[in-house]
């Protein structure tokens, strides 16, 4: 027997008979949720105990509305879930592409000031090691780093200038930075 309907037993013989003959159908999770509402439960009792067509129609309308609300809720929850998954993928990709972007409110971004006497990155390097590391790069990598950091150009703008994809510009810049890092760490040790 549908244990959640045990409080309805004894109200009318038709209801008792209906509950005992439809145990499997009444144990479905959807009907349990539907009949958990006292208003829906009273509509169910009236539809089974009374022979009037209006009470059955009222129960049918209430169940249709309940089912549509459940469908809408399920759709919204699935949509929110997949939007969250896509957002997470997008954020992870962004963090992988731009690992040095800090999203903390406590960190204050230094104010970048253009060089006073030169716009060439090689001339602005104060450390001999860094200058030597920069000179070890290919001319293309030096040009990409010059445009990216000294002139603050975006990868997409550089891709238009070089007729390559923004991904290729990004790879060139990353390779140049990796070479700089390797050169500097090798000279320290």
Protein backbone atom coordinates (compact mmCIF):
# COMPACT_ATOMS: atom_id res chain seq x y z
CA UNK A 1 0.00 0.00 0.00
CA UNK A 2 1.09 3.57 -0.64
CA UNK A 3 2.13 4.40 2.96
CA UNK A 4 1.93 8.15 2.39
CA UNK A 5 -1.81 7.77 1.70
CA UNK A 6 -2.55 5.77 4.87
CA UNK A 7 -4.11 8.85 6.47
CA UNK A 8 -6.79 8.76 3.75
CA UNK A 9 -7.94 5.22 4.55
CA UNK A 10 -11.37 5.08 6.11
CA UNK A 11 -12.65 8.34 4.58
CA UNK A 12 -14.78 6.53 2.00
CA UNK A 13 -15.01 2.93 0.71
CA UNK A 14 -14.26 3.94 -2.90
CA UNK A 15 -11.03 5.62 -1.80
CA UNK A 16 -9.96 2.56 0.23
CA UNK A 17 -10.67 0.30 -2.73
CA UNK A 18 -8.85 2.62 -5.15
CA UNK A 19 -5.75 2.84 -2.93
CA UNK A 20 -5.60 -0.97 -2.53
CA UNK A 21 -6.10 -1.70 -6.25
CA UNK A 22 -3.69 0.95 -7.57
CA UNK A 23 -0.74 0.45 -5.20
CA UNK A 24 1.92 0.40 -7.90
CA UNK A 25 0.67 3.49 -9.72
CA UNK A 26 0.30 5.44 -6.47
CA UNK A 27 3.86 4.61 -5.43
CA UNK A 28 5.38 6.53 -8.35
CA UNK A 29 7.60 9.46 -7.27
CA UNK A 30 5.66 11.96 -9.39
CA UNK A 31 2.34 11.04 -7.79
CA UNK A 32 3.95 11.09 -4.35
CA UNK A 33 5.11 14.66 -4.92
CA UNK A 34 1.75 15.62 -6.38
CA UNK A 35 -0.25 14.15 -3.51
CA UNK A 36 2.09 15.58 -0.86
CA UNK A 37 0.36 18.92 -1.39
CA UNK A 38 -2.79 19.03 0.83
CA UNK A 39 -4.79 20.79 -1.89
CA UNK A 40 -3.92 18.13 -4.47
CA UNK A 41 -4.67 15.41 -1.94
CA UNK A 42 -8.14 16.85 -1.30
CA UNK A 43 -8.77 17.04 -5.07
CA UNK A 44 -7.73 13.37 -5.35
CA UNK A 45 -10.04 12.37 -2.49
CA UNK A 46 -12.95 14.29 -4.03
CA UNK A 47 -12.35 12.80 -7.49
CA UNK A 48 -12.34 9.22 -6.18
CA UNK A 49 -15.14 9.54 -3.62
CA UNK A 50 -17.54 11.65 -5.67
CA UNK A 51 -18.99 10.60 -8.99
CA UNK A 52 -19.16 14.14 -10.36
CA UNK A 53 -17.18 14.84 -13.51
CA UNK A 54 -16.17 18.32 -12.29
CA UNK A 55 -14.05 16.93 -9.44
CA UNK A 56 -12.20 14.62 -11.85
CA UNK A 57 -11.67 17.48 -14.27
CA UNK A 58 -10.29 19.66 -11.45
CA UNK A 59 -7.88 16.87 -10.46
CA UNK A 60 -6.77 16.44 -14.10
CA UNK A 61 -6.15 20.17 -14.51
CA UNK A 62 -4.20 20.33 -11.26
CA UNK A 63 -2.06 17.35 -12.30
CA UNK A 64 -1.41 18.79 -15.78
CA UNK A 65 -0.31 22.09 -14.23
CA UNK A 66 1.89 20.24 -11.70
CA UNK A 67 3.50 18.17 -14.46
CA UNK A 68 4.18 21.24 -16.62
CA UNK A 69 5.76 23.03 -13.66
CA UNK A 70 7.99 19.99 -13.03
CA UNK A 71 9.00 19.89 -16.71
CA UNK A 72 9.81 23.60 -16.71
CA UNK A 73 11.77 23.30 -13.48
CA UNK A 74 13.74 20.33 -14.85
CA UNK A 75 14.48 22.25 -18.06
CA UNK A 76 15.66 25.32 -16.17
CA UNK A 77 17.86 23.22 -13.87
CA UNK A 78 19.43 21.40 -16.84
CA UNK A 79 19.99 24.69 -18.65
CA UNK A 80 21.61 26.24 -15.60
CA UNK A 81 23.79 23.17 -15.14
CA UNK A 82 25.05 23.21 -18.73
CA UNK A 83 25.55 26.97 -18.72
CA UNK A 84 27.63 26.55 -15.56
CA UNK A 85 29.65 23.77 -17.21
CA UNK A 86 30.29 25.93 -20.30
CA UNK A 87 31.18 28.92 -18.12
CA UNK A 88 33.63 26.78 -16.15
CA UNK A 89 35.25 25.51 -19.36
CA UNK A 90 35.53 29.07 -20.66
CA UNK A 91 37.08 30.28 -17.38
CA UNK A 92 39.59 27.40 -17.30
CA UNK A 93 40.56 28.08 -20.90
CA UNK A 94 40.97 31.78 -20.15
CA UNK A 95 43.11 31.02 -17.10
CA UNK A 96 45.26 28.66 -19.17
CA UNK A 97 45.77 31.29 -21.88
CA UNK A 98 46.35 34.18 -19.49
CA UNK A 99 47.93 32.69 -16.35
CA UNK A 100 49.30 35.98 -15.08
CA UNK A 101 45.99 37.80 -14.80
CA UNK A 102 45.23 38.27 -11.11
CA UNK A 103 41.57 38.42 -10.13
CA UNK A 104 42.10 39.36 -6.51
CA UNK A 105 40.63 42.57 -5.13
CA UNK A 106 43.51 42.97 -2.70
CA UNK A 107 46.18 43.18 -5.38
CA UNK A 108 46.71 46.61 -6.84
CA UNK A 109 47.78 46.66 -10.46
CA UNK A 110 50.85 48.78 -11.02
CA UNK A 111 50.33 51.78 -13.21
CA UNK A 112 52.17 51.29 -16.48
CA UNK A 113 54.00 54.30 -17.72
CA UNK A 114 55.41 54.45 -21.22
CA UNK A 115 59.21 54.69 -21.41
CA UNK A 116 60.46 58.25 -21.34
CA UNK A 117 63.39 58.05 -23.73
CA UNK A 118 62.75 54.97 -25.85
CA UNK A 119 59.96 52.75 -27.03
CA UNK A 120 62.24 49.78 -27.74
CA UNK A 121 61.98 46.97 -25.24
CA UNK A 122 65.63 45.94 -25.65
CA UNK A 123 66.78 49.42 -24.60
CA UNK A 124 64.55 49.40 -21.52
CA UNK A 125 66.02 46.21 -20.07
CA UNK A 126 68.20 47.16 -17.12
CA UNK A 127 69.59 43.74 -16.24
CA UNK A 128 72.50 42.43 -18.32
CA UNK A 129 71.22 38.89 -17.96
CA UNK A 130 67.77 39.87 -19.15
CA UNK A 131 69.24 41.84 -22.04
CA UNK A 132 71.40 38.87 -23.07
CA UNK A 133 68.39 36.56 -22.77
CA UNK A 134 66.36 38.93 -24.95
CA UNK A 135 69.14 39.01 -27.56
CA UNK A 136 69.12 35.19 -27.69
CA UNK A 137 65.54 35.21 -29.02
CA UNK A 138 64.71 35.02 -32.70
CA UNK A 139 63.93 38.34 -34.42
CA UNK A 140 60.28 37.28 -34.73
CA UNK A 141 60.03 36.52 -31.00
CA UNK A 142 61.70 39.83 -30.16
CA UNK A 143 59.23 41.63 -32.43
CA UNK A 144 56.24 39.84 -30.81
CA UNK A 145 57.47 40.68 -27.29
CA UNK A 146 58.17 44.28 -28.33
CA UNK A 147 54.66 44.73 -29.72
CA UNK A 148 52.96 42.81 -26.88
CA UNK A 149 54.63 44.41 -23.90
CA UNK A 150 56.21 47.72 -24.92
CA UNK A 151 53.39 48.78 -27.24
CA UNK A 152 50.56 46.91 -25.45
CA UNK A 153 49.16 45.32 -28.62
CA UNK A 154 46.73 42.41 -28.43
CA UNK A 155 47.32 39.04 -30.07
CA UNK A 156 44.50 39.60 -32.53
CA UNK A 157 46.01 42.90 -33.66
CA UNK A 158 49.41 41.26 -34.09
CA UNK A 159 47.82 38.45 -36.06
CA UNK A 160 46.49 40.97 -38.58
CA UNK A 161 49.95 42.49 -38.95
CA UNK A 162 51.69 39.14 -39.45
CA UNK A 163 48.93 37.32 -41.35
CA UNK A 164 48.90 34.43 -38.87
CA UNK A 165 46.30 33.29 -36.34
CA UNK A 166 46.12 34.81 -32.87
CA UNK A 167 47.02 31.34 -31.55
CA UNK A 168 50.29 31.44 -33.52
CA UNK A 169 51.09 34.85 -32.06
CA UNK A 170 50.33 33.52 -28.59
CA UNK A 171 52.59 30.49 -29.17
CA UNK A 172 55.45 32.70 -30.38
CA UNK A 173 55.13 34.95 -27.34
CA UNK A 174 54.98 31.98 -24.95
CA UNK A 175 58.02 30.38 -26.62
CA UNK A 176 59.93 33.64 -26.31
CA UNK A 177 59.00 33.97 -22.65
CA UNK A 178 59.97 30.35 -22.04
CA UNK A 179 63.37 30.96 -23.66
CA UNK A 180 63.86 34.05 -21.50
CA UNK A 181 62.99 32.09 -18.39
CA UNK A 182 65.27 29.19 -19.31
CA UNK A 183 68.16 31.54 -20.10
CA UNK A 184 67.77 33.47 -16.85
CA UNK A 185 67.42 30.38 -14.66
CA UNK A 186 70.44 28.79 -16.35
CA UNK A 187 72.54 31.89 -15.71
CA UNK A 188 71.51 32.03 -12.04
CA UNK A 189 72.60 28.43 -11.35
